[in-house]
Amino acid sequence: MDANIQTLIANVGFPIAVSMYLLIRIEGKLSHLTDSINELAKNIAYIKNN
């Protein structure tokens, strides 16, 4: 894994490697946030109907 990271940095440069790392890390959190927003919308709709 470390060799792959070093190769990536050597080939595309440090800023691109950091950007890719952050995008990969944030992707999971965005998915969880989307699920939470959808659940909130369902709860609000349920409360309005009752």
PDB file of N, CA and C in Angstrom:
ATOM      1  N   MET A   1       0.834  -1.201   0.000  1.00  0.00           N
ATOM      2  CA  MET A   1       0.000   0.000   0.000  1.00  0.00           C
ATOM      3  C   MET A   1       0.867   1.248   0.000  1.00  0.00           C
ATOM      4  N   ASP A   2       1.909   1.292   0.819  1.00  0.00           N
ATOM      5  CA  ASP A   2       2.778   2.460   0.873  1.00  0.00           C
ATOM      6  C   ASP A   2       3.488   2.694  -0.443  1.00  0.00           C
ATOM      7  N   ALA A   3       3.880   1.616  -1.112  1.00  0.00           N
ATOM      8  CA  ALA A   3       4.554   1.751  -2.403  1.00  0.00           C
ATOM      9  C   ALA A   3       3.607   2.341  -3.436  1.00  0.00           C
ATOM     10  N   ASN A   4       2.349   1.943  -3.383  1.00  0.00           N
ATOM     11  CA  ASN A   4       1.359   2.500  -4.311  1.00  0.00           C
ATOM     12  C   ASN A   4       1.170   3.989  -4.078  1.00  0.00           C
ATOM     13  N   ILE A   5       1.138   4.399  -2.827  1.00  0.00           N
ATOM     14  CA  ILE A   5       0.968   5.818  -2.503  1.00  0.00           C
ATOM     15  C   ILE A   5       2.180   6.606  -2.974  1.00  0.00           C
ATOM     16  N   GLN A   6       3.361   6.071  -2.754  1.00  0.00           N
ATOM     17  CA  GLN A   6       4.581   6.754  -3.190  1.00  0.00           C
ATOM     18  C   GLN A   6       4.626   6.864  -4.708  1.00  0.00           C
ATOM     19  N   THR A   7       4.216   5.826  -5.395  1.00  0.00           N
ATOM     20  CA  THR A   7       4.182   5.850  -6.857  1.00  0.00           C
ATOM     21  C   THR A   7       3.169   6.879  -7.346  1.00  0.00           C
ATOM     22  N   LEU A   8       2.016   6.923  -6.702  1.00  0.00           N
ATOM     23  CA  LEU A   8       0.982   7.889  -7.068  1.00  0.00           C
ATOM     24  C   LEU A   8       1.501   9.310  -6.907  1.00  0.00           C
ATOM     25  N   ILE A   9       2.125   9.596  -5.800  1.00  0.00           N
ATOM     26  CA  ILE A   9       2.659  10.937  -5.550  1.00  0.00           C
ATOM     27  C   ILE A   9       3.732  11.279  -6.577  1.00  0.00           C
ATOM     28  N   ALA A  10       4.596  10.311  -6.899  1.00  0.00           N
ATOM     29  CA  ALA A  10       5.657  10.558  -7.874  1.00  0.00           C
ATOM     30  C   ALA A  10       5.088  10.817  -9.262  1.00  0.00           C
ATOM     31  N   ASN A  11       3.999  10.134  -9.615  1.00  0.00           N
ATOM     32  CA  ASN A  11       3.456  10.252 -10.967  1.00  0.00           C
ATOM     33  C   ASN A  11       2.554  11.464 -11.156  1.00  0.00           C
ATOM     34  N   VAL A  12       1.704  11.766 -10.215  1.00  0.00           N
ATOM     35  CA  VAL A  12       0.713  12.828 -10.424  1.00  0.00           C
ATOM     36  C   VAL A  12       0.945  14.056  -9.571  1.00  0.00           C
ATOM     37  N   GLY A  13       1.809  13.989  -8.633  1.00  0.00           N
ATOM     38  CA  GLY A  13       2.091  15.152  -7.821  1.00  0.00           C
ATOM     39  C   GLY A  13       1.340  15.143  -6.504  1.00  0.00           C
ATOM     40  N   PHE A  14       1.909  15.830  -5.547  1.00  0.00           N
ATOM     41  CA  PHE A  14       1.366  15.847  -4.197  1.00  0.00           C
ATOM     42  C   PHE A  14      -0.041  16.426  -4.109  1.00  0.00           C
ATOM     43  N   PRO A  15      -0.330  17.569  -4.730  1.00  0.00           N
ATOM     44  CA  PRO A  15      -1.693  18.138  -4.594  1.00  0.00           C
ATOM     45  C   PRO A  15      -2.779  17.205  -5.127  1.00  0.00           C
ATOM     46  N   ILE A  16      -2.523  16.553  -6.228  1.00  0.00           N
ATOM     47  CA  ILE A  16      -3.521  15.645  -6.783  1.00  0.00           C
ATOM     48  C   ILE A  16      -3.687  14.431  -5.883  1.00  0.00           C
ATOM     49  N   ALA A  17      -2.606  13.919  -5.338  1.00  0.00           N
ATOM     50  CA  ALA A  17      -2.689  12.764  -4.444  1.00  0.00           C
ATOM     51  C   ALA A  17      -3.488  13.106  -3.193  1.00  0.00           C
ATOM     52  N   VAL A  18      -3.263  14.274  -2.626  1.00  0.00           N
ATOM     53  CA  VAL A  18      -4.012  14.703  -1.437  1.00  0.00           C
ATOM     54  C   VAL A  18      -5.486  14.889  -1.774  1.00  0.00           C
ATOM     55  N   SER A  19      -5.771  15.484  -2.917  1.00  0.00           N
ATOM     56  CA  SER A  19      -7.164  15.674  -3.343  1.00  0.00           C
ATOM     57  C   SER A  19      -7.878  14.343  -3.504  1.00  0.00           C
ATOM     58  N   MET A  20      -7.226  13.381  -4.118  1.00  0.00           N
ATOM     59  CA  MET A  20      -7.829  12.063  -4.299  1.00  0.00           C
ATOM     60  C   MET A  20      -8.079  11.396  -2.952  1.00  0.00           C
ATOM     61  N   TYR A  21      -7.125  11.499  -2.048  1.00  0.00           N
ATOM     62  CA  TYR A  21      -7.281  10.906  -0.713  1.00  0.00           C
ATOM     63  C   TYR A  21      -8.480  11.514   0.010  1.00  0.00           C
ATOM     64  N   LEU A  22      -8.589  12.830  -0.043  1.00  0.00           N
ATOM     65  CA  LEU A  22      -9.698  13.500   0.642  1.00  0.00           C
ATOM     66  C   LEU A  22     -11.036  13.161   0.009  1.00  0.00           C
ATOM     67  N   LEU A  23     -11.085  13.073  -1.311  1.00  0.00           N
ATOM     68  CA  LEU A  23     -12.337  12.712  -1.982  1.00  0.00           C
ATOM     69  C   LEU A  23     -12.785  11.312  -1.595  1.00  0.00           C
ATOM     70  N   ILE A  24     -11.854  10.394  -1.497  1.00  0.00           N
ATOM     71  CA  ILE A  24     -12.191   9.021  -1.110  1.00  0.00           C
ATOM     72  C   ILE A  24     -12.706   8.989   0.327  1.00  0.00           C
ATOM     73  N   ARG A  25     -12.063   9.729   1.208  1.00  0.00           N
ATOM     74  CA  ARG A  25     -12.487   9.750   2.609  1.00  0.00           C
ATOM     75  C   ARG A  25     -13.850  10.412   2.775  1.00  0.00           C
ATOM     76  N   ILE A  26     -14.092  11.477   2.038  1.00  0.00           N
ATOM     77  CA  ILE A  26     -15.326  12.234   2.186  1.00  0.00           C
ATOM     78  C   ILE A  26     -16.513  11.499   1.573  1.00  0.00           C
ATOM     79  N   GLU A  27     -16.267  10.647   0.578  1.00  0.00           N
ATOM     80  CA  GLU A  27     -17.350   9.962  -0.120  1.00  0.00           C
ATOM     81  C   GLU A  27     -18.252   9.180   0.840  1.00  0.00           C
ATOM     82  N   GLY A  28     -17.664   8.439   1.753  1.00  0.00           N
ATOM     83  CA  GLY A  28     -18.450   7.675   2.721  1.00  0.00           C
ATOM     84  C   GLY A  28     -19.263   8.563   3.641  1.00  0.00           C
ATOM     85  N   LYS A  29     -18.672   9.666   4.035  1.00  0.00           N
ATOM     86  CA  LYS A  29     -19.380  10.583   4.924  1.00  0.00           C
ATOM     87  C   LYS A  29     -20.530  11.271   4.195  1.00  0.00           C
ATOM     88  N   LEU A  30     -20.339  11.580   2.923  1.00  0.00           N
ATOM     89  CA  LEU A  30     -21.418  12.187   2.142  1.00  0.00           C
ATOM     90  C   LEU A  30     -22.583  11.223   1.973  1.00  0.00           C
ATOM     91  N   SER A  31     -22.274   9.971   1.790  1.00  0.00           N
ATOM     92  CA  SER A  31     -23.322   8.962   1.661  1.00  0.00           C
ATOM     93  C   SER A  31     -24.139   8.885   2.950  1.00  0.00           C
ATOM     94  N   HIS A  32     -23.467   8.888   4.077  1.00  0.00           N
ATOM     95  CA  HIS A  32     -24.158   8.847   5.375  1.00  0.00           C
ATOM     96  C   HIS A  32     -24.991  10.116   5.580  1.00  0.00           C
ATOM     97  N   LEU A  33     -24.447  11.253   5.192  1.00  0.00           N
ATOM     98  CA  LEU A  33     -25.172  12.516   5.315  1.00  0.00           C
ATOM     99  C   LEU A  33     -26.425  12.520   4.433  1.00  0.00           C
ATOM    100  N   THR A  34     -26.317  11.999   3.231  1.00  0.00           N
ATOM    101  CA  THR A  34     -27.467  11.908   2.332  1.00  0.00           C
ATOM    102  C   THR A  34     -28.557  11.040   2.935  1.00  0.00           C
ATOM    103  N   ASP A  35     -28.163   9.906   3.502  1.00  0.00           N
ATOM    104  CA  ASP A  35     -29.143   9.030   4.148  1.00  0.00           C
ATOM    105  C   ASP A  35     -29.846   9.739   5.307  1.00  0.00           C
ATOM    106  N   SER A  36     -29.084  10.487   6.088  1.00  0.00           N
ATOM    107  CA  SER A  36     -29.658  11.210   7.224  1.00  0.00           C
ATOM    108  C   SER A  36     -30.640  12.282   6.762  1.00  0.00           C
ATOM    109  N   ILE A  37     -30.304  12.989   5.693  1.00  0.00           N
ATOM    110  CA  ILE A  37     -31.195  14.027   5.167  1.00  0.00           C
ATOM    111  C   ILE A  37     -32.479  13.404   4.645  1.00  0.00           C
ATOM    112  N   ASN A  38     -32.368  12.275   3.957  1.00  0.00           N
ATOM    113  CA  ASN A  38     -33.563  11.602   3.453  1.00  0.00           C
ATOM    114  C   ASN A  38     -34.453  11.124   4.598  1.00  0.00           C
ATOM    115  N   GLU A  39     -33.857  10.616   5.655  1.00  0.00           N
ATOM    116  CA  GLU A  39     -34.632  10.179   6.815  1.00  0.00           C
ATOM    117  C   GLU A  39     -35.311  11.369   7.488  1.00  0.00           C
ATOM    118  N   LEU A  40     -34.621  12.479   7.577  1.00  0.00           N
ATOM    119  CA  LEU A  40     -35.196  13.688   8.155  1.00  0.00           C
ATOM    120  C   LEU A  40     -36.390  14.164   7.337  1.00  0.00           C
ATOM    121  N   ALA A  41     -36.261  14.135   6.027  1.00  0.00           N
ATOM    122  CA  ALA A  41     -37.365  14.549   5.162  1.00  0.00           C
ATOM    123  C   ALA A  41     -38.584  13.646   5.365  1.00  0.00           C
ATOM    124  N   LYS A  42     -38.363  12.345   5.503  1.00  0.00           N
ATOM    125  CA  LYS A  42     -39.465  11.417   5.750  1.00  0.00           C
ATOM    126  C   LYS A  42     -40.132  11.712   7.089  1.00  0.00           C
ATOM    127  N   ASN A  43     -39.343  11.994   8.105  1.00  0.00           N
ATOM    128  CA  ASN A  43     -39.891  12.299   9.425  1.00  0.00           C
ATOM    129  C   ASN A  43     -40.697  13.590   9.409  1.00  0.00           C
ATOM    130  N   ILE A  44     -40.225  14.587   8.700  1.00  0.00           N
ATOM    131  CA  ILE A  44     -40.946  15.853   8.605  1.00  0.00           C
ATOM    132  C   ILE A  44     -42.275  15.634   7.888  1.00  0.00           C
ATOM    133  N   ALA A  45     -42.261  14.868   6.812  1.00  0.00           N
ATOM    134  CA  ALA A  45     -43.497  14.586   6.080  1.00  0.00           C
ATOM    135  C   ALA A  45     -44.472  13.818   6.960  1.00  0.00           C
ATOM    136  N   TYR A  46     -43.972  12.889   7.757  1.00  0.00           N
ATOM    137  CA  TYR A  46     -44.826  12.108   8.664  1.00  0.00           C
ATOM    138  C   TYR A  46     -45.465  13.022   9.708  1.00  0.00           C
ATOM    139  N   ILE A  47     -44.680  13.943  10.268  1.00  0.00           N
ATOM    140  CA  ILE A  47     -45.189  14.848  11.282  1.00  0.00           C
ATOM    141  C   ILE A  47     -46.247  15.790  10.695  1.00  0.00           C
ATOM    142  N   LYS A  48     -46.027  16.255   9.475  1.00  0.00           N
ATOM    143  CA  LYS A  48     -47.010  17.153   8.836  1.00  0.00           C
ATOM    144  C   LYS A  48     -48.327  16.448   8.571  1.00  0.00           C
ATOM    145  N   ASN A  49     -48.280  15.140   8.260  1.00  0.00           N
ATOM    146  CA  ASN A  49     -49.505  14.398   7.948  1.00  0.00           C
ATOM    147  C   ASN A  49     -50.282  14.001   9.197  1.00  0.00           C
ATOM    148  N   ASN A  50     -49.666  14.050  10.353  1.00  0.00           N
ATOM    149  CA  ASN A  50     -50.367  13.655  11.595  1.00  0.00           C
ATOM    150  C   ASN A  50     -50.772  14.829  12.385  1.00  0.00           C
TER     151      ASN A  50
END
